[in-house]
Structure formats: structure tokens, C-alpha cells
């Protein structure tokens, strides 16, 4: 996922009340990190592969994963957001719920007032 796409996905997820953050996995390699309850984190699409998948981590240890979602190589941003929101992380091998839960209260955009400064003034 490129940097701008990851940033847009994170912004929309945060507007829906999902505790999402940009994940910088390497040079020009970005993904989306979702903070889950009980200290786990799901890191989506940070490995540079074409399909959408995630690793669920706790304290740096792999505790679960989301297998590659069929057809996700061609997903638009709205479909990526929907897939992330519909994921049920309660089992070690996560699954997709048939419908997304209702949105929660919006969270502030990542970066706050320093967002443009931290991003080198490349975005707003």
C-alpha cells in the first residue's frame, strides 16, 4: 500500500471510530495498524504483497492472522476499509463478519496539529 493510500484509509477508519494508525514497515512500505482491545494490534498490508491480509501481534509476538482476502488485489479504498471494519479478531485465524458493526464516535486525525509538518507538507 502506498503512503497516501494508507493515510486516506487510516483517516476514514478513524472517522468511523476505529483506532487506526499508519504503519511504516520499511522504506516506501506502508500499512494500517489497528489497535485492538487487550493490547493486540492488527497490522494490515505492510508486507508489500498484492492481497489484503494482516498479522495480529501482542508484545511483538504473532498471536493470530487474517488470511489473504480473496479478490482483494483489486479492492478500491472503500472495499479495503469495509474489509478491515468487518474483521472479527476474536479467534487466532480471523474471519470476516457478514456486516460491519455500526460506526463509533470519530477519533481525531493521526498527527493532530503537527500532521502537515510531520509529513513534510505533502498532504493536508
C-alpha atoms as a PDB file:
ATOM      1  CA  UNK A   1       0.000   0.000   0.000  1.00  0.00           C
ATOM      2  CA  UNK A   2       1.456   3.382  -0.852  1.00  0.00           C
ATOM      3  CA  UNK A   3       1.782   6.118   1.752  1.00  0.00           C
ATOM      4  CA  UNK A   4      -1.070   8.334   0.558  1.00  0.00           C
ATOM      5  CA  UNK A   5      -3.496   5.427   0.238  1.00  0.00           C
ATOM      6  CA  UNK A   6      -2.594   4.196   3.735  1.00  0.00           C
ATOM      7  CA  UNK A   7      -3.126   7.717   5.108  1.00  0.00           C
ATOM      8  CA  UNK A   8      -6.560   8.021   3.451  1.00  0.00           C
ATOM      9  CA  UNK A   9      -7.633   4.587   4.726  1.00  0.00           C
ATOM     10  CA  UNK A  10      -6.494   5.490   8.270  1.00  0.00           C
ATOM     11  CA  UNK A  11      -8.366   8.817   8.132  1.00  0.00           C
ATOM     12  CA  UNK A  12     -11.646   7.160   7.122  1.00  0.00           C
ATOM     13  CA  UNK A  13     -11.255   4.405   9.708  1.00  0.00           C
ATOM     14  CA  UNK A  14     -10.643   6.999  12.440  1.00  0.00           C
ATOM     15  CA  UNK A  15     -13.754   8.893  11.274  1.00  0.00           C
ATOM     16  CA  UNK A  16     -15.657   5.620  11.907  1.00  0.00           C
ATOM     17  CA  UNK A  17     -14.193   5.363  15.421  1.00  0.00           C
ATOM     18  CA  UNK A  18     -11.616   2.669  14.620  1.00  0.00           C
ATOM     19  CA  UNK A  19      -8.282   3.195  16.422  1.00  0.00           C
ATOM     20  CA  UNK A  20      -6.210   3.075  13.212  1.00  0.00           C
ATOM     21  CA  UNK A  21      -2.678   4.342  12.637  1.00  0.00           C
ATOM     22  CA  UNK A  22      -0.241   4.448   9.731  1.00  0.00           C
ATOM     23  CA  UNK A  23       2.343   1.696   9.925  1.00  0.00           C
ATOM     24  CA  UNK A  24       5.716   2.400   8.330  1.00  0.00           C
ATOM     25  CA  UNK A  25       7.147  -1.056   7.760  1.00  0.00           C
ATOM     26  CA  UNK A  26      10.171  -0.082   5.700  1.00  0.00           C
ATOM     27  CA  UNK A  27      11.402   2.285   3.040  1.00  0.00           C
ATOM     28  CA  UNK A  28       8.350   3.179   0.939  1.00  0.00           C
ATOM     29  CA  UNK A  29       6.417   0.371   2.612  1.00  0.00           C
ATOM     30  CA  UNK A  30       3.271   1.369   4.496  1.00  0.00           C
ATOM     31  CA  UNK A  31       0.286  -0.313   6.042  1.00  0.00           C
ATOM     32  CA  UNK A  32      -2.508   0.226   8.531  1.00  0.00           C
ATOM     33  CA  UNK A  33      -2.220  -0.692  12.214  1.00  0.00           C
ATOM     34  CA  UNK A  34      -5.421  -1.257  14.193  1.00  0.00           C
ATOM     35  CA  UNK A  35      -5.175  -1.160  17.989  1.00  0.00           C
ATOM     36  CA  UNK A  36      -7.408  -3.891  19.400  1.00  0.00           C
ATOM     37  CA  UNK A  37      -8.661  -4.437  22.911  1.00  0.00           C
ATOM     38  CA  UNK A  38      -6.410  -6.404  25.281  1.00  0.00           C
ATOM     39  CA  UNK A  39      -3.210  -4.933  23.843  1.00  0.00           C
ATOM     40  CA  UNK A  40      -3.226  -6.678  20.468  1.00  0.00           C
ATOM     41  CA  UNK A  41      -2.587  -4.909  17.190  1.00  0.00           C
ATOM     42  CA  UNK A  42      -3.554  -5.936  13.667  1.00  0.00           C
ATOM     43  CA  UNK A  43      -1.092  -4.787  11.022  1.00  0.00           C
ATOM     44  CA  UNK A  44      -2.718  -4.728   7.590  1.00  0.00           C
ATOM     45  CA  UNK A  45      -0.921  -4.895   4.246  1.00  0.00           C
ATOM     46  CA  UNK A  46       2.562  -3.836   5.318  1.00  0.00           C
ATOM     47  CA  UNK A  47       4.485  -6.629   3.593  1.00  0.00           C
ATOM     48  CA  UNK A  48       4.261  -5.379   0.022  1.00  0.00           C
ATOM     49  CA  UNK A  49       2.148  -8.255  -1.322  1.00  0.00           C
ATOM     50  CA  UNK A  50      -0.783  -7.620  -3.654  1.00  0.00           C
ATOM     51  CA  UNK A  51      -3.509  -9.210  -1.496  1.00  0.00           C
ATOM     52  CA  UNK A  52      -5.000  -7.732   1.651  1.00  0.00           C
ATOM     53  CA  UNK A  53      -4.058  -9.596   4.823  1.00  0.00           C
ATOM     54  CA  UNK A  54      -2.984  -8.852   8.384  1.00  0.00           C
ATOM     55  CA  UNK A  55      -0.861 -10.129  11.218  1.00  0.00           C
ATOM     56  CA  UNK A  56      -2.239  -9.849  14.761  1.00  0.00           C
ATOM     57  CA  UNK A  57       0.524  -9.101  17.256  1.00  0.00           C
ATOM     58  CA  UNK A  58       0.784  -8.758  21.025  1.00  0.00           C
ATOM     59  CA  UNK A  59       4.049  -7.565  22.587  1.00  0.00           C
ATOM     60  CA  UNK A  60       5.904  -8.255  19.332  1.00  0.00           C
ATOM     61  CA  UNK A  61       4.683 -11.848  19.106  1.00  0.00           C
ATOM     62  CA  UNK A  62       2.382 -13.185  16.401  1.00  0.00           C
ATOM     63  CA  UNK A  63      -0.871 -14.319  18.063  1.00  0.00           C
ATOM     64  CA  UNK A  64      -3.144 -14.525  15.030  1.00  0.00           C
ATOM     65  CA  UNK A  65      -3.615 -13.503  11.441  1.00  0.00           C
ATOM     66  CA  UNK A  66      -6.127 -12.563   8.801  1.00  0.00           C
ATOM     67  CA  UNK A  67      -5.621 -14.748   5.709  1.00  0.00           C
ATOM     68  CA  UNK A  68      -5.465 -13.084   2.296  1.00  0.00           C
ATOM     69  CA  UNK A  69      -8.953 -11.933   1.370  1.00  0.00           C
ATOM     70  CA  UNK A  70      -9.983 -13.376  -1.988  1.00  0.00           C
ATOM     71  CA  UNK A  71     -10.106 -10.769  -4.735  1.00  0.00           C
ATOM     72  CA  UNK A  72      -8.508  -8.089  -2.550  1.00  0.00           C
ATOM     73  CA  UNK A  73      -5.770  -7.427  -5.108  1.00  0.00           C
ATOM     74  CA  UNK A  74      -8.308  -5.278  -6.956  1.00  0.00           C
ATOM     75  CA  UNK A  75     -10.003  -3.630  -3.943  1.00  0.00           C
ATOM     76  CA  UNK A  76     -10.736   0.076  -4.024  1.00  0.00           C
ATOM     77  CA  UNK A  77     -10.121   2.059  -0.829  1.00  0.00           C
ATOM     78  CA  UNK A  78     -13.776   1.740   0.241  1.00  0.00           C
ATOM     79  CA  UNK A  79     -13.544  -2.049  -0.033  1.00  0.00           C
ATOM     80  CA  UNK A  80     -10.301  -2.104   1.980  1.00  0.00           C
ATOM     81  CA  UNK A  81     -11.966  -0.036   4.699  1.00  0.00           C
ATOM     82  CA  UNK A  82     -15.022  -2.298   4.713  1.00  0.00           C
ATOM     83  CA  UNK A  83     -12.857  -5.432   4.980  1.00  0.00           C
ATOM     84  CA  UNK A  84     -10.892  -4.008   7.918  1.00  0.00           C
ATOM     85  CA  UNK A  85     -14.048  -2.895   9.740  1.00  0.00           C
ATOM     86  CA  UNK A  86     -15.828  -6.244   9.203  1.00  0.00           C
ATOM     87  CA  UNK A  87     -12.939  -8.354  10.526  1.00  0.00           C
ATOM     88  CA  UNK A  88     -13.586 -10.286  13.732  1.00  0.00           C
ATOM     89  CA  UNK A  89     -10.236 -10.743  15.510  1.00  0.00           C
ATOM     90  CA  UNK A  90     -11.506 -12.952  18.368  1.00  0.00           C
ATOM     91  CA  UNK A  91     -10.005 -16.212  17.025  1.00  0.00           C
ATOM     92  CA  UNK A  92      -6.362 -16.834  16.035  1.00  0.00           C
ATOM     93  CA  UNK A  93      -7.450 -17.089  12.394  1.00  0.00           C
ATOM     94  CA  UNK A  94      -9.653 -14.024  11.993  1.00  0.00           C
ATOM     95  CA  UNK A  95     -12.768 -14.090   9.835  1.00  0.00           C
ATOM     96  CA  UNK A  96     -14.959 -11.558   8.064  1.00  0.00           C
ATOM     97  CA  UNK A  97     -18.339 -10.702   9.593  1.00  0.00           C
ATOM     98  CA  UNK A  98     -21.236 -10.580   7.122  1.00  0.00           C
ATOM     99  CA  UNK A  99     -21.907  -6.930   8.006  1.00  0.00           C
ATOM    100  CA  UNK A 100     -19.871  -4.129   9.535  1.00  0.00           C
ATOM    101  CA  UNK A 101     -20.619  -3.019  13.089  1.00  0.00           C
ATOM    102  CA  UNK A 102     -22.119   0.459  13.453  1.00  0.00           C
ATOM    103  CA  UNK A 103     -19.592   3.320  13.488  1.00  0.00           C
ATOM    104  CA  UNK A 104     -18.393   4.578  16.858  1.00  0.00           C
ATOM    105  CA  UNK A 105     -17.572   8.156  17.788  1.00  0.00           C
ATOM    106  CA  UNK A 106     -14.962   9.645  15.470  1.00  0.00           C
ATOM    107  CA  UNK A 107     -11.359   9.841  16.615  1.00  0.00           C
ATOM    108  CA  UNK A 108      -9.112  12.805  15.788  1.00  0.00           C
ATOM    109  CA  UNK A 109      -6.899  12.500  12.715  1.00  0.00           C
ATOM    110  CA  UNK A 110      -3.498  10.975  13.332  1.00  0.00           C
ATOM    111  CA  UNK A 111      -0.805  13.621  13.738  1.00  0.00           C
ATOM    112  CA  UNK A 112      -3.110  16.334  15.069  1.00  0.00           C
ATOM    113  CA  UNK A 113      -1.921  19.901  14.544  1.00  0.00           C
ATOM    114  CA  UNK A 114       1.544  18.682  13.512  1.00  0.00           C
ATOM    115  CA  UNK A 115       0.219  16.464  10.702  1.00  0.00           C
ATOM    116  CA  UNK A 116       1.466  18.605   7.809  1.00  0.00           C
ATOM    117  CA  UNK A 117       4.812  19.254   9.488  1.00  0.00           C
ATOM    118  CA  UNK A 118       5.436  15.554  10.225  1.00  0.00           C
ATOM    119  CA  UNK A 119       4.504  14.627   6.660  1.00  0.00           C
ATOM    120  CA  UNK A 120       6.837  17.170   5.078  1.00  0.00           C
ATOM    121  CA  UNK A 121       3.888  19.371   3.981  1.00  0.00           C
ATOM    122  CA  UNK A 122       2.994  16.823   1.270  1.00  0.00           C
ATOM    123  CA  UNK A 123      -0.646  16.432   2.346  1.00  0.00           C
ATOM    124  CA  UNK A 124      -3.304  18.240   4.364  1.00  0.00           C
END
